[in-house]
Amino acid sequence: MRLLAGTPYDRPATCERCGQPEDNCQCPPALLPEGAPPPDKKTVKLVVEKRKKGKVVTVIRGLSARSSDLAALLSKLKNQCGAGGTLAGESLEIQGNHVERLRTLLGEAGYTVRG
């Protein structure tokens, strides 16, 4: 007998959008969270900054001030880059130099990227 047999955790994970098991899901990956407004042709600026002890951080500036939207977007970008990061005021900081990857991810989300 399996450890979680007969419990809700025994069932395979399903997609929240289509209801299919995640192995059979054909939904495109969503970069923006559900219910988030479109980027409204915002121009964002990507900058690589060097911090204490030689640490490199990619900073995204020029996003809207909606804190809940920024937190969800930061979470998605951190997962896509495989790095840590933080929300600092109205800018997002992601550890490491991820300018090219972030440029393509934000471009796919509808933002105009500069820098």
PDB file of N, CA and C in Angstrom:
ATOM      1  N   MET A   1       0.846  -1.174   0.000  1.00  0.00           N
ATOM      2  CA  MET A   1       0.000   0.000   0.000  1.00  0.00           C
ATOM      3  C   MET A   1       0.894   1.240   0.000  1.00  0.00           C
ATOM      4  N   ARG A   2       0.520   2.216  -0.820  1.00  0.00           N
ATOM      5  CA  ARG A   2       1.275   3.458  -0.896  1.00  0.00           C
ATOM      6  C   ARG A   2       0.990   4.335   0.318  1.00  0.00           C
ATOM      7  N   LEU A   3       1.870   5.274   0.577  1.00  0.00           N
ATOM      8  CA  LEU A   3       1.767   6.127   1.748  1.00  0.00           C
ATOM      9  C   LEU A   3       0.500   6.980   1.739  1.00  0.00           C
ATOM     10  N   LEU A   4       0.166   7.576   0.592  1.00  0.00           N
ATOM     11  CA  LEU A   4      -0.976   8.482   0.516  1.00  0.00           C
ATOM     12  C   LEU A   4      -2.176   7.869  -0.203  1.00  0.00           C
ATOM     13  N   ALA A   5      -2.238   6.558  -0.321  1.00  0.00           N
ATOM     14  CA  ALA A   5      -3.337   5.895  -1.021  1.00  0.00           C
ATOM     15  C   ALA A   5      -4.658   6.199  -0.331  1.00  0.00           C
ATOM     16  N   GLY A   6      -5.646   6.620  -1.137  1.00  0.00           N
ATOM     17  CA  GLY A   6      -6.973   6.896  -0.614  1.00  0.00           C
ATOM     18  C   GLY A   6      -7.158   8.296  -0.079  1.00  0.00           C
ATOM     19  N   THR A   7      -6.137   9.136  -0.137  1.00  0.00           N
ATOM     20  CA  THR A   7      -6.252  10.519   0.334  1.00  0.00           C
ATOM     21  C   THR A   7      -6.321  11.458  -0.866  1.00  0.00           C
ATOM     22  N   PRO A   8      -6.715  12.722  -0.659  1.00  0.00           N
ATOM     23  CA  PRO A   8      -6.746  13.665  -1.796  1.00  0.00           C
ATOM     24  C   PRO A   8      -5.383  13.874  -2.431  1.00  0.00           C
ATOM     25  N   TYR A   9      -4.306  13.607  -1.716  1.00  0.00           N
ATOM     26  CA  TYR A   9      -2.962  13.810  -2.261  1.00  0.00           C
ATOM     27  C   TYR A   9      -2.534  12.681  -3.194  1.00  0.00           C
ATOM     28  N   ASP A  10      -3.325  11.630  -3.269  1.00  0.00           N
ATOM     29  CA  ASP A  10      -3.027  10.485  -4.128  1.00  0.00           C
ATOM     30  C   ASP A  10      -3.391  10.769  -5.579  1.00  0.00           C
ATOM     31  N   ARG A  11      -4.232  11.755  -5.812  1.00  0.00           N
ATOM     32  CA  ARG A  11      -4.686  12.073  -7.172  1.00  0.00           C
ATOM     33  C   ARG A  11      -3.611  12.850  -7.929  1.00  0.00           C
ATOM     34  N   PRO A  12      -3.543  12.662  -9.252  1.00  0.00           N
ATOM     35  CA  PRO A  12      -2.546  13.425 -10.023  1.00  0.00           C
ATOM     36  C   PRO A  12      -2.927  14.905 -10.073  1.00  0.00           C
ATOM     37  N   ALA A  13      -1.932  15.763 -10.193  1.00  0.00           N
ATOM     38  CA  ALA A  13      -2.154  17.204 -10.271  1.00  0.00           C
ATOM     39  C   ALA A  13      -2.860  17.550 -11.573  1.00  0.00           C
ATOM     40  N   THR A  14      -3.801  18.509 -11.509  1.00  0.00           N
ATOM     41  CA  THR A  14      -4.549  18.917 -12.693  1.00  0.00           C
ATOM     42  C   THR A  14      -4.297  20.394 -12.990  1.00  0.00           C
ATOM     43  N   CYS A  15      -4.479  20.766 -14.244  1.00  0.00           N
ATOM     44  CA  CYS A  15      -4.329  22.147 -14.691  1.00  0.00           C
ATOM     45  C   CYS A  15      -5.507  22.964 -14.158  1.00  0.00           C
ATOM     46  N   GLU A  16      -5.224  24.179 -13.670  1.00  0.00           N
ATOM     47  CA  GLU A  16      -6.277  25.027 -13.134  1.00  0.00           C
ATOM     48  C   GLU A  16      -7.160  25.615 -14.232  1.00  0.00           C
ATOM     49  N   ARG A  17      -6.630  25.744 -15.450  1.00  0.00           N
ATOM     50  CA  ARG A  17      -7.391  26.366 -16.536  1.00  0.00           C
ATOM     51  C   ARG A  17      -8.264  25.381 -17.283  1.00  0.00           C
ATOM     52  N   CYS A  18      -7.732  24.199 -17.647  1.00  0.00           N
ATOM     53  CA  CYS A  18      -8.511  23.275 -18.469  1.00  0.00           C
ATOM     54  C   CYS A  18      -9.024  22.058 -17.700  1.00  0.00           C
ATOM     55  N   GLY A  19      -8.499  21.789 -16.510  1.00  0.00           N
ATOM     56  CA  GLY A  19      -8.959  20.671 -15.714  1.00  0.00           C
ATOM     57  C   GLY A  19      -8.352  19.327 -16.085  1.00  0.00           C
ATOM     58  N   GLN A  20      -7.514  19.283 -17.097  1.00  0.00           N
ATOM     59  CA  GLN A  20      -6.854  18.049 -17.525  1.00  0.00           C
ATOM     60  C   GLN A  20      -5.677  17.744 -16.590  1.00  0.00           C
ATOM     61  N   PRO A  21      -5.261  16.459 -16.505  1.00  0.00           N
ATOM     62  CA  PRO A  21      -4.035  16.175 -15.755  1.00  0.00           C
ATOM     63  C   PRO A  21      -2.858  16.947 -16.362  1.00  0.00           C
ATOM     64  N   GLU A  22      -1.907  17.355 -15.520  1.00  0.00           N
ATOM     65  CA  GLU A  22      -0.799  18.185 -15.996  1.00  0.00           C
ATOM     66  C   GLU A  22       0.012  17.511 -17.097  1.00  0.00           C
ATOM     67  N   ASP A  23       0.049  16.187 -17.123  1.00  0.00           N
ATOM     68  CA  ASP A  23       0.769  15.475 -18.178  1.00  0.00           C
ATOM     69  C   ASP A  23       0.097  15.641 -19.534  1.00  0.00           C
ATOM     70  N   ASN A  24      -1.230  15.812 -19.570  1.00  0.00           N
ATOM     71  CA  ASN A  24      -1.988  15.918 -20.818  1.00  0.00           C
ATOM     72  C   ASN A  24      -2.389  17.341 -21.149  1.00  0.00           C
ATOM     73  N   CYS A  25      -2.036  18.312 -20.337  1.00  0.00           N
ATOM     74  CA  CYS A  25      -2.461  19.700 -20.523  1.00  0.00           C
ATOM     75  C   CYS A  25      -1.814  20.290 -21.781  1.00  0.00           C
ATOM     76  N   GLN A  26      -2.614  20.988 -22.588  1.00  0.00           N
ATOM     77  CA  GLN A  26      -2.132  21.631 -23.807  1.00  0.00           C
ATOM     78  C   GLN A  26      -2.173  23.155 -23.701  1.00  0.00           C
ATOM     79  N   CYS A  27      -2.441  23.693 -22.510  1.00  0.00           N
ATOM     80  CA  CYS A  27      -2.530  25.143 -22.314  1.00  0.00           C
ATOM     81  C   CYS A  27      -1.144  25.774 -22.465  1.00  0.00           C
ATOM     82  N   PRO A  28      -1.064  26.954 -23.110  1.00  0.00           N
ATOM     83  CA  PRO A  28       0.224  27.638 -23.190  1.00  0.00           C
ATOM     84  C   PRO A  28       0.603  28.172 -21.817  1.00  0.00           C
ATOM     85  N   PRO A  29       1.894  28.246 -21.495  1.00  0.00           N
ATOM     86  CA  PRO A  29       2.294  28.776 -20.190  1.00  0.00           C
ATOM     87  C   PRO A  29       1.941  30.248 -20.081  1.00  0.00           C
ATOM     88  N   ALA A  30       1.431  30.643 -18.943  1.00  0.00           N
ATOM     89  CA  ALA A  30       1.028  32.029 -18.721  1.00  0.00           C
ATOM     90  C   ALA A  30       2.092  32.732 -17.906  1.00  0.00           C
ATOM     91  N   LEU A  31       2.630  33.827 -18.433  1.00  0.00           N
ATOM     92  CA  LEU A  31       3.629  34.591 -17.698  1.00  0.00           C
ATOM     93  C   LEU A  31       2.946  35.553 -16.736  1.00  0.00           C
ATOM     94  N   LEU A  32       1.864  36.179 -17.182  1.00  0.00           N
ATOM     95  CA  LEU A  32       1.143  37.094 -16.317  1.00  0.00           C
ATOM     96  C   LEU A  32       0.126  36.321 -15.494  1.00  0.00           C
ATOM     97  N   PRO A  33      -0.109  36.700 -14.246  1.00  0.00           N
ATOM     98  CA  PRO A  33      -1.078  36.004 -13.419  1.00  0.00           C
ATOM     99  C   PRO A  33      -2.496  36.202 -13.925  1.00  0.00           C
ATOM    100  N   GLU A  34      -3.394  35.282 -13.526  1.00  0.00           N
ATOM    101  CA  GLU A  34      -4.792  35.351 -13.942  1.00  0.00           C
ATOM    102  C   GLU A  34      -5.413  36.655 -13.448  1.00  0.00           C
ATOM    103  N   GLY A  35      -6.201  37.311 -14.288  1.00  0.00           N
ATOM    104  CA  GLY A  35      -6.896  38.521 -13.897  1.00  0.00           C
ATOM    105  C   GLY A  35      -6.038  39.767 -13.917  1.00  0.00           C
ATOM    106  N   ALA A  36      -4.775  39.653 -14.265  1.00  0.00           N
ATOM    107  CA  ALA A  36      -3.905  40.828 -14.306  1.00  0.00           C
ATOM    108  C   ALA A  36      -4.200  41.626 -15.565  1.00  0.00           C
ATOM    109  N   PRO A  37      -4.228  42.937 -15.458  1.00  0.00           N
ATOM    110  CA  PRO A  37      -4.468  43.752 -16.644  1.00  0.00           C
ATOM    111  C   PRO A  37      -3.279  43.672 -17.594  1.00  0.00           C
ATOM    112  N   PRO A  38      -3.493  43.919 -18.887  1.00  0.00           N
ATOM    113  CA  PRO A  38      -2.377  43.888 -19.834  1.00  0.00           C
ATOM    114  C   PRO A  38      -1.363  44.986 -19.510  1.00  0.00           C
ATOM    115  N   PRO A  39      -0.155  44.842 -20.003  1.00  0.00           N
ATOM    116  CA  PRO A  39       0.897  45.795 -19.655  1.00  0.00           C
ATOM    117  C   PRO A  39       0.676  47.211 -20.186  1.00  0.00           C
ATOM    118  N   ASP A  40      -0.373  47.434 -20.994  1.00  0.00           N
ATOM    119  CA  ASP A  40      -0.695  48.775 -21.502  1.00  0.00           C
ATOM    120  C   ASP A  40       0.469  49.436 -22.225  1.00  0.00           C
ATOM    121  N   LYS A  41       1.190  48.643 -22.978  1.00  0.00           N
ATOM    122  CA  LYS A  41       2.313  49.153 -23.774  1.00  0.00           C
ATOM    123  C   LYS A  41       3.328  49.896 -22.919  1.00  0.00           C
ATOM    124  N   LYS A  42       3.579  49.371 -21.735  1.00  0.00           N
ATOM    125  CA  LYS A  42       4.567  49.963 -20.840  1.00  0.00           C
ATOM    126  C   LYS A  42       5.969  49.688 -21.361  1.00  0.00           C
ATOM    127  N   THR A  43       6.862  50.627 -21.154  1.00  0.00           N
ATOM    128  CA  THR A  43       8.261  50.443 -21.483  1.00  0.00           C
ATOM    129  C   THR A  43       9.006  50.197 -20.183  1.00  0.00           C
ATOM    130  N   VAL A  44       9.675  49.072 -20.110  1.00  0.00           N
ATOM    131  CA  VAL A  44      10.461  48.750 -18.925  1.00  0.00           C
ATOM    132  C   VAL A  44      11.932  48.844 -19.273  1.00  0.00           C
ATOM    133  N   LYS A  45      12.739  49.111 -18.267  1.00  0.00           N
ATOM    134  CA  LYS A  45      14.173  49.262 -18.474  1.00  0.00           C
ATOM    135  C   LYS A  45      14.896  48.186 -17.691  1.00  0.00           C
ATOM    136  N   LEU A  46      15.792  47.469 -18.360  1.00  0.00           N
ATOM    137  CA  LEU A  46      16.616  46.436 -17.726  1.00  0.00           C
ATOM    138  C   LEU A  46      18.017  46.994 -17.503  1.00  0.00           C
ATOM    139  N   VAL A  47      18.498  46.875 -16.272  1.00  0.00           N
ATOM    140  CA  VAL A  47      19.810  47.380 -15.909  1.00  0.00           C
ATOM    141  C   VAL A  47      20.526  46.317 -15.080  1.00  0.00           C
ATOM    142  N   VAL A  48      21.811  46.114 -15.343  1.00  0.00           N
ATOM    143  CA  VAL A  48      22.618  45.214 -14.537  1.00  0.00           C
ATOM    144  C   VAL A  48      23.445  46.078 -13.592  1.00  0.00           C
ATOM    145  N   GLU A  49      23.292  45.830 -12.285  1.00  0.00           N
ATOM    146  CA  GLU A  49      24.021  46.595 -11.278  1.00  0.00           C
ATOM    147  C   GLU A  49      24.948  45.667 -10.508  1.00  0.00           C
ATOM    148  N   LYS A  50      26.060  46.213 -10.080  1.00  0.00           N
ATOM    149  CA  LYS A  50      27.014  45.457  -9.280  1.00  0.00           C
ATOM    150  C   LYS A  50      26.864  45.914  -7.832  1.00  0.00           C
ATOM    151  N   ARG A  51      26.680  44.971  -6.938  1.00  0.00           N
ATOM    152  CA  ARG A  51      26.462  45.274  -5.530  1.00  0.00           C
ATOM    153  C   ARG A  51      27.705  44.958  -4.716  1.00  0.00           C
ATOM    154  N   LYS A  52      27.523  44.930  -3.401  1.00  0.00           N
ATOM    155  CA  LYS A  52      28.628  44.635  -2.493  1.00  0.00           C
ATOM    156  C   LYS A  52      29.248  43.286  -2.817  1.00  0.00           C
ATOM    157  N   LYS A  53      30.529  43.187  -2.596  1.00  0.00           N
ATOM    158  CA  LYS A  53      31.286  41.949  -2.758  1.00  0.00           C
ATOM    159  C   LYS A  53      31.167  41.356  -4.163  1.00  0.00           C
ATOM    160  N   GLY A  54      30.933  42.206  -5.165  1.00  0.00           N
ATOM    161  CA  GLY A  54      30.925  41.754  -6.550  1.00  0.00           C
ATOM    162  C   GLY A  54      29.663  41.060  -7.000  1.00  0.00           C
ATOM    163  N   LYS A  55      28.591  41.110  -6.224  1.00  0.00           N
ATOM    164  CA  LYS A  55      27.342  40.455  -6.612  1.00  0.00           C
ATOM    165  C   LYS A  55      26.672  41.244  -7.729  1.00  0.00           C
ATOM    166  N   VAL A  56      26.128  40.521  -8.722  1.00  0.00           N
ATOM    167  CA  VAL A  56      25.479  41.141  -9.873  1.00  0.00           C
ATOM    168  C   VAL A  56      23.978  40.938  -9.748  1.00  0.00           C
ATOM    169  N   VAL A  57      23.209  42.010  -9.999  1.00  0.00           N
ATOM    170  CA  VAL A  57      21.757  41.981  -9.898  1.00  0.00           C
ATOM    171  C   VAL A  57      21.172  42.603 -11.159  1.00  0.00           C
ATOM    172  N   THR A  58      20.144  41.971 -11.738  1.00  0.00           N
ATOM    173  CA  THR A  58      19.418  42.546 -12.865  1.00  0.00           C
ATOM    174  C   THR A  58      18.200  43.264 -12.307  1.00  0.00           C
ATOM    175  N   VAL A  59      18.069  44.557 -12.609  1.00  0.00           N
ATOM    176  CA  VAL A  59      16.987  45.377 -12.077  1.00  0.00           C
ATOM    177  C   VAL A  59      16.027  45.720 -13.215  1.00  0.00           C
ATOM    178  N   ILE A  60      14.726  45.547 -12.958  1.00  0.00           N
ATOM    179  CA  ILE A  60      13.671  45.884 -13.920  1.00  0.00           C
ATOM    180  C   ILE A  60      12.943  47.093 -13.364  1.00  0.00           C
ATOM    181  N   ARG A  61      12.976  48.212 -14.094  1.00  0.00           N
ATOM    182  CA  ARG A  61      12.328  49.453 -13.664  1.00  0.00           C
ATOM    183  C   ARG A  61      11.269  49.859 -14.674  1.00  0.00           C
ATOM    184  N   GLY A  62      10.278  50.618 -14.204  1.00  0.00           N
ATOM    185  CA  GLY A  62       9.258  51.159 -15.083  1.00  0.00           C
ATOM    186  C   GLY A  62       7.975  50.350 -15.111  1.00  0.00           C
ATOM    187  N   LEU A  63       7.787  49.447 -14.161  1.00  0.00           N
ATOM    188  CA  LEU A  63       6.557  48.662 -14.102  1.00  0.00           C
ATOM    189  C   LEU A  63       5.495  49.420 -13.326  1.00  0.00           C
ATOM    190  N   SER A  64       4.236  48.992 -13.457  1.00  0.00           N
ATOM    191  CA  SER A  64       3.145  49.649 -12.751  1.00  0.00           C
ATOM    192  C   SER A  64       3.288  49.434 -11.252  1.00  0.00           C
ATOM    193  N   ALA A  65       2.645  50.280 -10.471  1.00  0.00           N
ATOM    194  CA  ALA A  65       2.806  50.257  -9.021  1.00  0.00           C
ATOM    195  C   ALA A  65       1.857  49.301  -8.318  1.00  0.00           C
ATOM    196  N   ARG A  66       1.153  48.455  -9.035  1.00  0.00           N
ATOM    197  CA  ARG A  66       0.249  47.502  -8.392  1.00  0.00           C
ATOM    198  C   ARG A  66       1.083  46.427  -7.698  1.00  0.00           C
ATOM    199  N   SER A  67       1.129  46.481  -6.378  1.00  0.00           N
ATOM    200  CA  SER A  67       2.040  45.602  -5.638  1.00  0.00           C
ATOM    201  C   SER A  67       1.694  44.131  -5.803  1.00  0.00           C
ATOM    202  N   SER A  68       0.396  43.778  -5.847  1.00  0.00           N
ATOM    203  CA  SER A  68       0.049  42.366  -5.976  1.00  0.00           C
ATOM    204  C   SER A  68       0.448  41.839  -7.351  1.00  0.00           C
ATOM    205  N   ASP A  69       0.306  42.664  -8.383  1.00  0.00           N
ATOM    206  CA  ASP A  69       0.714  42.243  -9.724  1.00  0.00           C
ATOM    207  C   ASP A  69       2.228  42.097  -9.810  1.00  0.00           C
ATOM    208  N   LEU A  70       2.954  43.010  -9.195  1.00  0.00           N
ATOM    209  CA  LEU A  70       4.411  42.945  -9.238  1.00  0.00           C
ATOM    210  C   LEU A  70       4.927  41.716  -8.507  1.00  0.00           C
ATOM    211  N   ALA A  71       4.306  41.373  -7.398  1.00  0.00           N
ATOM    212  CA  ALA A  71       4.750  40.195  -6.648  1.00  0.00           C
ATOM    213  C   ALA A  71       4.532  38.920  -7.458  1.00  0.00           C
ATOM    214  N   ALA A  72       3.392  38.820  -8.140  1.00  0.00           N
ATOM    215  CA  ALA A  72       3.120  37.634  -8.951  1.00  0.00           C
ATOM    216  C   ALA A  72       4.058  37.578 -10.156  1.00  0.00           C
ATOM    217  N   LEU A  73       4.308  38.725 -10.791  1.00  0.00           N
ATOM    218  CA  LEU A  73       5.220  38.772 -11.930  1.00  0.00           C
ATOM    219  C   LEU A  73       6.639  38.424 -11.487  1.00  0.00           C
ATOM    220  N   LEU A  74       7.057  38.924 -10.332  1.00  0.00           N
ATOM    221  CA  LEU A  74       8.384  38.609  -9.811  1.00  0.00           C
ATOM    222  C   LEU A  74       8.533  37.114  -9.575  1.00  0.00           C
ATOM    223  N   SER A  75       7.514  36.507  -9.020  1.00  0.00           N
ATOM    224  CA  SER A  75       7.558  35.064  -8.767  1.00  0.00           C
ATOM    225  C   SER A  75       7.724  34.286 -10.066  1.00  0.00           C
ATOM    226  N   LYS A  76       6.968  34.654 -11.098  1.00  0.00           N
ATOM    227  CA  LYS A  76       7.074  33.969 -12.393  1.00  0.00           C
ATOM    228  C   LYS A  76       8.462  34.158 -13.006  1.00  0.00           C
ATOM    229  N   LEU A  77       8.990  35.381 -12.952  1.00  0.00           N
ATOM    230  CA  LEU A  77      10.303  35.650 -13.548  1.00  0.00           C
ATOM    231  C   LEU A  77      11.419  34.929 -12.802  1.00  0.00           C
ATOM    232  N   LYS A  78      11.329  34.875 -11.484  1.00  0.00           N
ATOM    233  CA  LYS A  78      12.333  34.155 -10.702  1.00  0.00           C
ATOM    234  C   LYS A  78      12.328  32.671 -11.058  1.00  0.00           C
ATOM    235  N   ASN A  79      11.135  32.109 -11.222  1.00  0.00           N
ATOM    236  CA  ASN A  79      11.043  30.697 -11.593  1.00  0.00           C
ATOM    237  C   ASN A  79      11.622  30.452 -12.978  1.00  0.00           C
ATOM    238  N   GLN A  80      11.350  31.336 -13.925  1.00  0.00           N
ATOM    239  CA  GLN A  80      11.853  31.177 -15.289  1.00  0.00           C
ATOM    240  C   GLN A  80      13.370  31.334 -15.356  1.00  0.00           C
ATOM    241  N   CYS A  81      13.930  32.196 -14.501  1.00  0.00           N
ATOM    242  CA  CYS A  81      15.376  32.422 -14.510  1.00  0.00           C
ATOM    243  C   CYS A  81      16.120  31.456 -13.602  1.00  0.00           C
ATOM    244  N   GLY A  82      15.424  30.824 -12.684  1.00  0.00           N
ATOM    245  CA  GLY A  82      16.081  29.927 -11.749  1.00  0.00           C
ATOM    246  C   GLY A  82      16.982  30.672 -10.779  1.00  0.00           C
ATOM    247  N   ALA A  83      16.515  31.831 -10.327  1.00  0.00           N
ATOM    248  CA  ALA A  83      17.323  32.665  -9.444  1.00  0.00           C
ATOM    249  C   ALA A  83      16.426  33.288  -8.387  1.00  0.00           C
ATOM    250  N   GLY A  84      17.060  33.862  -7.374  1.00  0.00           N
ATOM    251  CA  GLY A  84      16.330  34.578  -6.339  1.00  0.00           C
ATOM    252  C   GLY A  84      16.086  36.003  -6.768  1.00  0.00           C
ATOM    253  N   GLY A  85      15.300  36.707  -5.994  1.00  0.00           N
ATOM    254  CA  GLY A  85      15.034  38.089  -6.309  1.00  0.00           C
ATOM    255  C   GLY A  85      14.172  38.732  -5.249  1.00  0.00           C
ATOM    256  N   THR A  86      13.950  40.038  -5.405  1.00  0.00           N
ATOM    257  CA  THR A  86      13.148  40.773  -4.444  1.00  0.00           C
ATOM    258  C   THR A  86      12.424  41.914  -5.123  1.00  0.00           C
ATOM    259  N   LEU A  87      11.418  42.419  -4.420  1.00  0.00           N
ATOM    260  CA  LEU A  87      10.649  43.569  -4.872  1.00  0.00           C
ATOM    261  C   LEU A  87      11.145  44.767  -4.074  1.00  0.00           C
ATOM    262  N   ALA A  88      11.737  45.742  -4.750  1.00  0.00           N
ATOM    263  CA  ALA A  88      12.284  46.920  -4.087  1.00  0.00           C
ATOM    264  C   ALA A  88      11.556  48.153  -4.599  1.00  0.00           C
ATOM    265  N   GLY A  89      10.539  48.598  -3.861  1.00  0.00           N
ATOM    266  CA  GLY A  89       9.749  49.743  -4.296  1.00  0.00           C
ATOM    267  C   GLY A  89       8.947  49.392  -5.538  1.00  0.00           C
ATOM    268  N   GLU A  90       9.193  50.111  -6.623  1.00  0.00           N
ATOM    269  CA  GLU A  90       8.506  49.832  -7.888  1.00  0.00           C
ATOM    270  C   GLU A  90       9.417  49.123  -8.874  1.00  0.00           C
ATOM    271  N   SER A  91      10.524  48.564  -8.406  1.00  0.00           N
ATOM    272  CA  SER A  91      11.430  47.834  -9.291  1.00  0.00           C
ATOM    273  C   SER A  91      11.593  46.405  -8.796  1.00  0.00           C
ATOM    274  N   LEU A  92      11.888  45.520  -9.729  1.00  0.00           N
ATOM    275  CA  LEU A  92      12.134  44.121  -9.423  1.00  0.00           C
ATOM    276  C   LEU A  92      13.626  43.861  -9.539  1.00  0.00           C
ATOM    277  N   GLU A  93      14.177  43.110  -8.591  1.00  0.00           N
ATOM    278  CA  GLU A  93      15.598  42.764  -8.631  1.00  0.00           C
ATOM    279  C   GLU A  93      15.718  41.252  -8.693  1.00  0.00           C
ATOM    280  N   ILE A  94      16.465  40.754  -9.678  1.00  0.00           N
ATOM    281  CA  ILE A  94      16.699  39.326  -9.829  1.00  0.00           C
ATOM    282  C   ILE A  94      18.197  39.099  -9.769  1.00  0.00           C
ATOM    283  N   GLN A  95      18.600  38.140  -8.940  1.00  0.00           N
ATOM    284  CA  GLN A  95      20.015  37.885  -8.727  1.00  0.00           C
ATOM    285  C   GLN A  95      20.654  37.315  -9.983  1.00  0.00           C
ATOM    286  N   GLY A  96      21.796  37.866 -10.361  1.00  0.00           N
ATOM    287  CA  GLY A  96      22.535  37.391 -11.523  1.00  0.00           C
ATOM    288  C   GLY A  96      22.276  38.251 -12.745  1.00  0.00           C
ATOM    289  N   ASN A  97      23.004  37.963 -13.807  1.00  0.00           N
ATOM    290  CA  ASN A  97      22.869  38.692 -15.062  1.00  0.00           C
ATOM    291  C   ASN A  97      21.935  37.902 -15.980  1.00  0.00           C
ATOM    292  N   HIS A  98      20.667  38.284 -16.024  1.00  0.00           N
ATOM    293  CA  HIS A  98      19.655  37.590 -16.817  1.00  0.00           C
ATOM    294  C   HIS A  98      18.990  38.530 -17.820  1.00  0.00           C
ATOM    295  N   VAL A  99      19.751  39.470 -18.365  1.00  0.00           N
ATOM    296  CA  VAL A  99      19.173  40.491 -19.229  1.00  0.00           C
ATOM    297  C   VAL A  99      18.529  39.877 -20.475  1.00  0.00           C
ATOM    298  N   GLU A 100      19.220  38.993 -21.159  1.00  0.00           N
ATOM    299  CA  GLU A 100      18.688  38.434 -22.403  1.00  0.00           C
ATOM    300  C   GLU A 100      17.443  37.587 -22.150  1.00  0.00           C
ATOM    301  N   ARG A 101      17.472  36.758 -21.120  1.00  0.00           N
ATOM    302  CA  ARG A 101      16.320  35.912 -20.802  1.00  0.00           C
ATOM    303  C   ARG A 101      15.125  36.770 -20.401  1.00  0.00           C
ATOM    304  N   LEU A 102      15.354  37.804 -19.577  1.00  0.00           N
ATOM    305  CA  LEU A 102      14.262  38.673 -19.149  1.00  0.00           C
ATOM    306  C   LEU A 102      13.718  39.497 -20.315  1.00  0.00           C
ATOM    307  N   ARG A 103      14.606  39.875 -21.240  1.00  0.00           N
ATOM    308  CA  ARG A 103      14.153  40.638 -22.408  1.00  0.00           C
ATOM    309  C   ARG A 103      13.148  39.818 -23.218  1.00  0.00           C
ATOM    310  N   THR A 104      13.435  38.540 -23.425  1.00  0.00           N
ATOM    311  CA  THR A 104      12.499  37.706 -24.197  1.00  0.00           C
ATOM    312  C   THR A 104      11.232  37.418 -23.403  1.00  0.00           C
ATOM    313  N   LEU A 105      11.349  37.137 -22.098  1.00  0.00           N
ATOM    314  CA  LEU A 105      10.171  36.834 -21.290  1.00  0.00           C
ATOM    315  C   LEU A 105       9.232  38.031 -21.185  1.00  0.00           C
ATOM    316  N   LEU A 106       9.787  39.215 -20.944  1.00  0.00           N
ATOM    317  CA  LEU A 106       8.944  40.413 -20.844  1.00  0.00           C
ATOM    318  C   LEU A 106       8.385  40.805 -22.207  1.00  0.00           C
ATOM    319  N   GLY A 107       9.153  40.572 -23.272  1.00  0.00           N
ATOM    320  CA  GLY A 107       8.647  40.846 -24.617  1.00  0.00           C
ATOM    321  C   GLY A 107       7.466  39.954 -24.963  1.00  0.00           C
ATOM    322  N   GLU A 108       7.526  38.674 -24.556  1.00  0.00           N
ATOM    323  CA  GLU A 108       6.406  37.762 -24.793  1.00  0.00           C
ATOM    324  C   GLU A 108       5.187  38.168 -23.986  1.00  0.00           C
ATOM    325  N   ALA A 109       5.394  38.815 -22.829  1.00  0.00           N
ATOM    326  CA  ALA A 109       4.290  39.239 -21.983  1.00  0.00           C
ATOM    327  C   ALA A 109       3.652  40.526 -22.498  1.00  0.00           C
ATOM    328  N   GLY A 110       4.285  41.190 -23.470  1.00  0.00           N
ATOM    329  CA  GLY A 110       3.698  42.390 -24.060  1.00  0.00           C
ATOM    330  C   GLY A 110       4.373  43.682 -23.686  1.00  0.00           C
ATOM    331  N   TYR A 111       5.425  43.629 -22.894  1.00  0.00           N
ATOM    332  CA  TYR A 111       6.132  44.842 -22.518  1.00  0.00           C
ATOM    333  C   TYR A 111       7.129  45.229 -23.606  1.00  0.00           C
ATOM    334  N   THR A 112       7.391  46.534 -23.718  1.00  0.00           N
ATOM    335  CA  THR A 112       8.463  47.030 -24.573  1.00  0.00           C
ATOM    336  C   THR A 112       9.694  47.152 -23.689  1.00  0.00           C
ATOM    337  N   VAL A 113      10.777  46.489 -24.078  1.00  0.00           N
ATOM    338  CA  VAL A 113      11.964  46.431 -23.222  1.00  0.00           C
ATOM    339  C   VAL A 113      13.036  47.338 -23.782  1.00  0.00           C
ATOM    340  N   ARG A 114      13.652  48.118 -22.898  1.00  0.00           N
ATOM    341  CA  ARG A 114      14.707  49.023 -23.258  1.00  0.00           C
ATOM    342  C   ARG A 114      15.880  48.748 -22.331  1.00  0.00           C
ATOM    343  N   GLY A 115      17.080  48.890 -22.854  1.00  0.00           N
ATOM    344  CA  GLY A 115      18.268  48.745 -22.020  1.00  0.00           C
ATOM    345  C   GLY A 115      18.938  47.420 -22.120  1.00  0.00           C
TER     346      GLY A 115
END
